[in-house]
Structures are given as structure tokens and as C-alpha cells.
């Protein structure tokens, strides 16, 4: 089947901008959950010959659109991309758009977490209120005609003093979402995390636009 150019129409095939396998798996699971048995969606991995898009935007939305537009142009398929930022109040909103590379270009998940905890300790932030934070994800779909669909997901929470749990990735071991039972994202099953996470909220909203879901 031919994928429609308009991302507002029901797509059947889209290229996924991210090369991060952890993020790709989450996005695929969330979109499949929304699509259910009613819609068919094939997510195509970014072709090896298409280089990673440099995230030069000043906002999450700019970065998500940069990636989605580049992939749509390079592949001739509608493309979906996202950008996620962790905003920590005690660090004046950092790491923000630099979340994935907080400890430097090519930093590992563990290195980013170590830097985050060290910065909070240096700031004297102690307790959930002082360590308040939020995760934001902006998801974007771009059609081959340049049409755009954007959705945002936000979850409030706080940064735990040490990592807990083995699920998830990135900052999941230290992020405790508000309104839950005190577990970090890394202590939740994937399904539990998707139900409440920033990425889950963003991609469910995006899917609602793509599929016409409620």
C-alpha cells in the first residue's frame, strides 16, 4: 500500500527517525497499542545510508521537526520523530534540549545520570520538592508534501537520590513520576511506563491525529 502524504490521514507505512533502539521499541509499542486491530502501521527503520540528523534546534519541537522533515525528504515516506527533554527546577531547567548529551557527545545513559545526580548534590537539592522535574516529549509526523502534525506529552515528577530498577533506559532509574506509588520508571513494566510517561502521552496524542482515534 502507498503511504499517504498527509500525516493527518491514516498512514500504513512511516519511517522512524530515531536510531536509538530503546526509543524505537517504545514508540513502536505505543503506536501499536493505539492502532490496535483497527489500523495497520508499518514503522520502517531509518535506512543505513541516511545520516543522523544534527539536533541544532533551540526547542524540542524544532529538533523533532528537523528530524522528521529530513527523513521524509530522504526516503520519500511520511516520517515520525520525537525529541525529549528532562527539565530539573533546581538546575534552572537543565538539561532540557541537551538531555541525551548532558555529560557530553556520545555519553552513555549511566554517565548522564551520574552528572545529573552530581549537579543536584552540588546545588544542595534534598527531597522530592527540591528535586522537582518533568519530562517532555514532542512527537512530530511529517508528510512527503511537507504537512505537519505535532503533539506534546509532559509528566511531572522528581529525581531520586540514587537509581532504582532495571527496566527502561536513560534517566528512568532516577525519575519518579508524580501521582504514582513512588516507583521510578525503571521499576515499572513497559506497559505501566507507557500508560503514564511523557513519550506515551505524546505518541498517543500523535496517533489520535494520525488514526482519528479518540
Protein backbone atom coordinates (compact mmCIF):
# COMPACT_ATOMS: atom_id res chain seq x y z
CA UNK A 1 0.00 0.00 0.00
CA UNK A 2 1.16 3.54 -0.65
CA UNK A 3 1.56 5.74 2.39
CA UNK A 4 -0.42 8.99 2.15
CA UNK A 5 1.44 12.29 2.00
CA UNK A 6 -0.81 13.90 4.59
CA UNK A 7 0.16 12.79 8.13
CA UNK A 8 -3.37 13.64 9.20
CA UNK A 9 -4.63 10.79 7.03
CA UNK A 10 -4.42 7.20 8.22
CA UNK A 11 -0.91 6.00 7.31
CA UNK A 12 0.20 2.45 6.74
CA UNK A 13 3.94 2.96 6.40
CA UNK A 14 6.15 5.57 8.07
CA UNK A 15 9.88 5.87 8.56
CA UNK A 16 11.10 6.30 12.13
CA UNK A 17 13.80 8.93 12.54
CA UNK A 18 15.43 7.65 15.70
CA UNK A 19 18.35 5.24 15.57
CA UNK A 20 18.11 4.61 19.33
CA UNK A 21 16.78 1.03 19.60
CA UNK A 22 15.34 1.61 23.09
CA UNK A 23 13.37 4.65 21.98
CA UNK A 24 12.31 2.97 18.73
CA UNK A 25 10.92 -0.01 20.66
CA UNK A 26 8.91 2.27 22.96
CA UNK A 27 7.48 4.28 20.07
CA UNK A 28 6.53 1.15 18.14
CA UNK A 29 4.81 -0.37 21.20
CA UNK A 30 2.85 2.81 21.95
CA UNK A 31 1.68 3.32 18.36
CA UNK A 32 0.77 -0.36 18.00
CA UNK A 33 -1.30 -0.10 21.20
CA UNK A 34 -3.27 2.83 19.79
CA UNK A 35 -3.58 1.34 16.30
CA UNK A 36 -4.94 -1.91 17.73
CA UNK A 37 -6.80 -4.11 15.27
CA UNK A 38 -8.39 -1.16 13.50
CA UNK A 39 -5.33 0.33 11.80
CA UNK A 40 -2.27 -1.11 10.12
CA UNK A 41 1.00 0.72 10.61
CA UNK A 42 4.43 -0.40 9.49
CA UNK A 43 7.30 1.56 11.03
CA UNK A 44 10.37 1.49 8.81
CA UNK A 45 13.79 1.87 10.42
CA UNK A 46 15.94 4.76 9.28
CA UNK A 47 17.95 3.49 6.29
CA UNK A 48 21.64 2.97 6.94
CA UNK A 49 22.54 5.35 4.14
CA UNK A 50 20.64 8.24 5.76
CA UNK A 51 22.88 10.02 8.30
CA UNK A 52 21.72 11.00 11.75
CA UNK A 53 20.19 14.47 11.75
CA UNK A 54 22.04 17.04 13.82
CA UNK A 55 19.82 18.44 16.56
CA UNK A 56 20.52 22.15 16.15
CA UNK A 57 17.10 23.40 17.26
CA UNK A 58 16.62 25.51 20.35
CA UNK A 59 13.42 23.70 21.34
CA UNK A 60 12.21 20.11 21.43
CA UNK A 61 9.67 20.85 18.69
CA UNK A 62 12.33 22.31 16.40
CA UNK A 63 14.51 19.23 16.83
CA UNK A 64 11.64 16.80 16.28
CA UNK A 65 10.62 18.59 13.09
CA UNK A 66 14.20 18.80 11.84
CA UNK A 67 14.50 15.02 12.10
CA UNK A 68 11.09 14.19 10.67
CA UNK A 69 11.47 16.56 7.70
CA UNK A 70 14.93 15.27 6.87
CA UNK A 71 13.76 11.64 6.90
CA UNK A 72 10.65 12.34 4.83
CA UNK A 73 12.75 14.13 2.22
CA UNK A 74 15.45 11.43 2.18
CA UNK A 75 13.12 8.43 1.95
CA UNK A 76 10.01 9.66 0.17
CA UNK A 77 7.89 8.32 3.03
CA UNK A 78 5.96 10.08 5.78
CA UNK A 79 8.26 10.26 8.78
CA UNK A 80 7.81 10.31 12.54
CA UNK A 81 10.32 11.68 15.03
CA UNK A 82 10.48 12.96 18.56
CA UNK A 83 12.70 14.87 20.92
CA UNK A 84 12.62 14.53 24.68
CA UNK A 85 13.93 16.79 27.40
CA UNK A 86 14.27 16.45 31.16
CA UNK A 87 13.78 19.76 32.97
CA UNK A 88 15.03 19.96 36.55
CA UNK A 89 13.91 23.01 38.53
CA UNK A 90 16.99 23.14 40.78
CA UNK A 91 19.17 23.24 37.65
CA UNK A 92 17.18 26.07 36.04
CA UNK A 93 15.52 23.72 33.58
CA UNK A 94 18.65 21.81 32.57
CA UNK A 95 19.45 19.52 30.88
CA UNK A 96 16.50 20.41 28.61
CA UNK A 97 17.30 20.06 24.91
CA UNK A 98 20.71 18.68 25.89
CA UNK A 99 19.20 15.76 27.83
CA UNK A 100 20.65 13.00 25.65
CA UNK A 101 24.13 14.53 25.73
CA UNK A 102 24.18 16.11 29.19
CA UNK A 103 27.54 14.54 30.03
CA UNK A 104 28.91 15.26 26.55
CA UNK A 105 28.54 13.98 22.99
CA UNK A 106 28.31 10.20 22.93
CA UNK A 107 27.72 10.00 26.69
CA UNK A 108 26.20 6.77 27.99
CA UNK A 109 22.96 6.61 29.94
CA UNK A 110 24.94 5.98 33.13
CA UNK A 111 27.25 8.95 32.53
CA UNK A 112 24.30 11.29 32.05
CA UNK A 113 22.68 10.06 35.26
CA UNK A 114 25.91 10.42 37.24
CA UNK A 115 26.29 14.01 36.05
CA UNK A 116 22.67 14.81 36.89
CA UNK A 117 22.95 13.45 40.43
CA UNK A 118 26.26 15.26 40.97
CA UNK A 119 24.77 18.57 39.79
CA UNK A 120 21.81 18.18 42.15
CA UNK A 121 24.10 17.35 45.04
CA UNK A 122 26.20 20.42 44.29
CA UNK A 123 23.02 22.51 44.21
CA UNK A 124 22.08 21.22 47.68
CA UNK A 125 18.77 19.87 46.41
CA UNK A 126 17.38 17.48 49.01
CA UNK A 127 13.95 15.85 48.99
CA UNK A 128 11.26 15.49 46.33
CA UNK A 129 10.18 19.14 46.37
CA UNK A 130 13.72 20.44 45.91
CA UNK A 131 14.37 17.87 43.18
CA UNK A 132 11.19 18.56 41.18
CA UNK A 133 11.49 17.77 37.48
CA UNK A 134 9.46 16.99 34.42
CA UNK A 135 9.91 15.01 31.25
CA UNK A 136 8.63 16.49 28.00
CA UNK A 137 8.35 14.76 24.64
CA UNK A 138 7.38 16.40 21.39
CA UNK A 139 6.36 13.94 18.68
CA UNK A 140 6.13 15.05 15.06
CA UNK A 141 4.84 13.45 11.86
CA UNK A 142 5.73 15.00 8.50
CA UNK A 143 4.17 14.04 5.19
CA UNK A 144 6.00 13.89 1.90
CA UNK A 145 4.17 17.08 0.92
CA UNK A 146 5.57 18.87 3.97
CA UNK A 147 2.38 18.72 6.02
CA UNK A 148 2.95 18.53 9.76
CA UNK A 149 1.32 17.04 12.83
CA UNK A 150 2.82 17.76 16.28
CA UNK A 151 1.87 16.52 19.75
CA UNK A 152 3.39 17.02 23.21
CA UNK A 153 3.41 14.87 26.32
CA UNK A 154 4.50 16.01 29.78
CA UNK A 155 4.85 14.16 33.07
CA UNK A 156 5.77 15.82 36.36
CA UNK A 157 7.94 14.12 38.94
CA UNK A 158 11.18 14.33 40.85
CA UNK A 159 14.73 12.99 40.73
CA UNK A 160 15.55 10.20 43.19
CA UNK A 161 18.92 10.42 45.01
CA UNK A 162 20.04 7.09 43.52
CA UNK A 163 18.97 4.83 40.71
CA UNK A 164 16.36 2.13 41.30
CA UNK A 165 15.11 -0.53 38.91
CA UNK A 166 16.36 -2.28 35.80
CA UNK A 167 13.67 -1.56 33.21
CA UNK A 168 13.62 1.30 30.72
CA UNK A 169 16.60 3.38 29.71
CA UNK A 170 18.14 6.82 30.00
CA UNK A 171 17.13 8.64 33.19
CA UNK A 172 14.38 6.12 34.02
CA UNK A 173 16.19 4.74 37.12
CA UNK A 174 16.11 8.16 38.83
CA UNK A 175 12.84 9.67 37.60
CA UNK A 176 9.86 9.21 39.94
CA UNK A 177 6.59 10.32 38.29
CA UNK A 178 4.13 12.24 40.43
CA UNK A 179 0.82 10.67 41.36
CA UNK A 180 2.21 7.15 41.32
CA UNK A 181 3.30 4.78 44.03
CA UNK A 182 6.82 6.15 44.43
CA UNK A 183 8.46 3.85 41.90
CA UNK A 184 10.87 5.11 39.29
CA UNK A 185 10.12 4.48 35.62
CA UNK A 186 12.81 1.79 35.74
CA UNK A 187 10.84 -0.07 38.42
CA UNK A 188 7.74 -0.25 36.20
CA UNK A 189 6.89 -2.71 33.49
CA UNK A 190 6.97 -1.28 29.95
CA UNK A 191 3.16 -1.25 29.87
CA UNK A 192 2.97 0.64 33.17
CA UNK A 193 5.50 3.19 31.97
CA UNK A 194 3.79 3.70 28.60
CA UNK A 195 0.48 4.36 30.35
CA UNK A 196 1.83 7.38 32.22
CA UNK A 197 5.05 8.51 30.54
CA UNK A 198 5.75 11.67 28.56
CA UNK A 199 6.53 9.61 25.44
CA UNK A 200 3.36 7.58 25.87
CA UNK A 201 1.26 10.72 26.17
CA UNK A 202 2.92 12.42 23.19
CA UNK A 203 2.62 9.45 20.85
CA UNK A 204 -0.93 8.61 21.90
CA UNK A 205 -1.87 12.20 21.06
CA UNK A 206 0.01 11.96 17.76
CA UNK A 207 -1.67 8.64 16.96
CA UNK A 208 -5.07 10.17 17.68
CA UNK A 209 -4.33 12.65 14.91
CA UNK A 210 -2.94 10.00 12.57
CA UNK A 211 -5.62 7.39 13.10
CA UNK A 212 -8.55 9.53 14.16
CA UNK A 213 -8.51 7.69 17.49
CA UNK A 214 -10.45 9.19 20.41
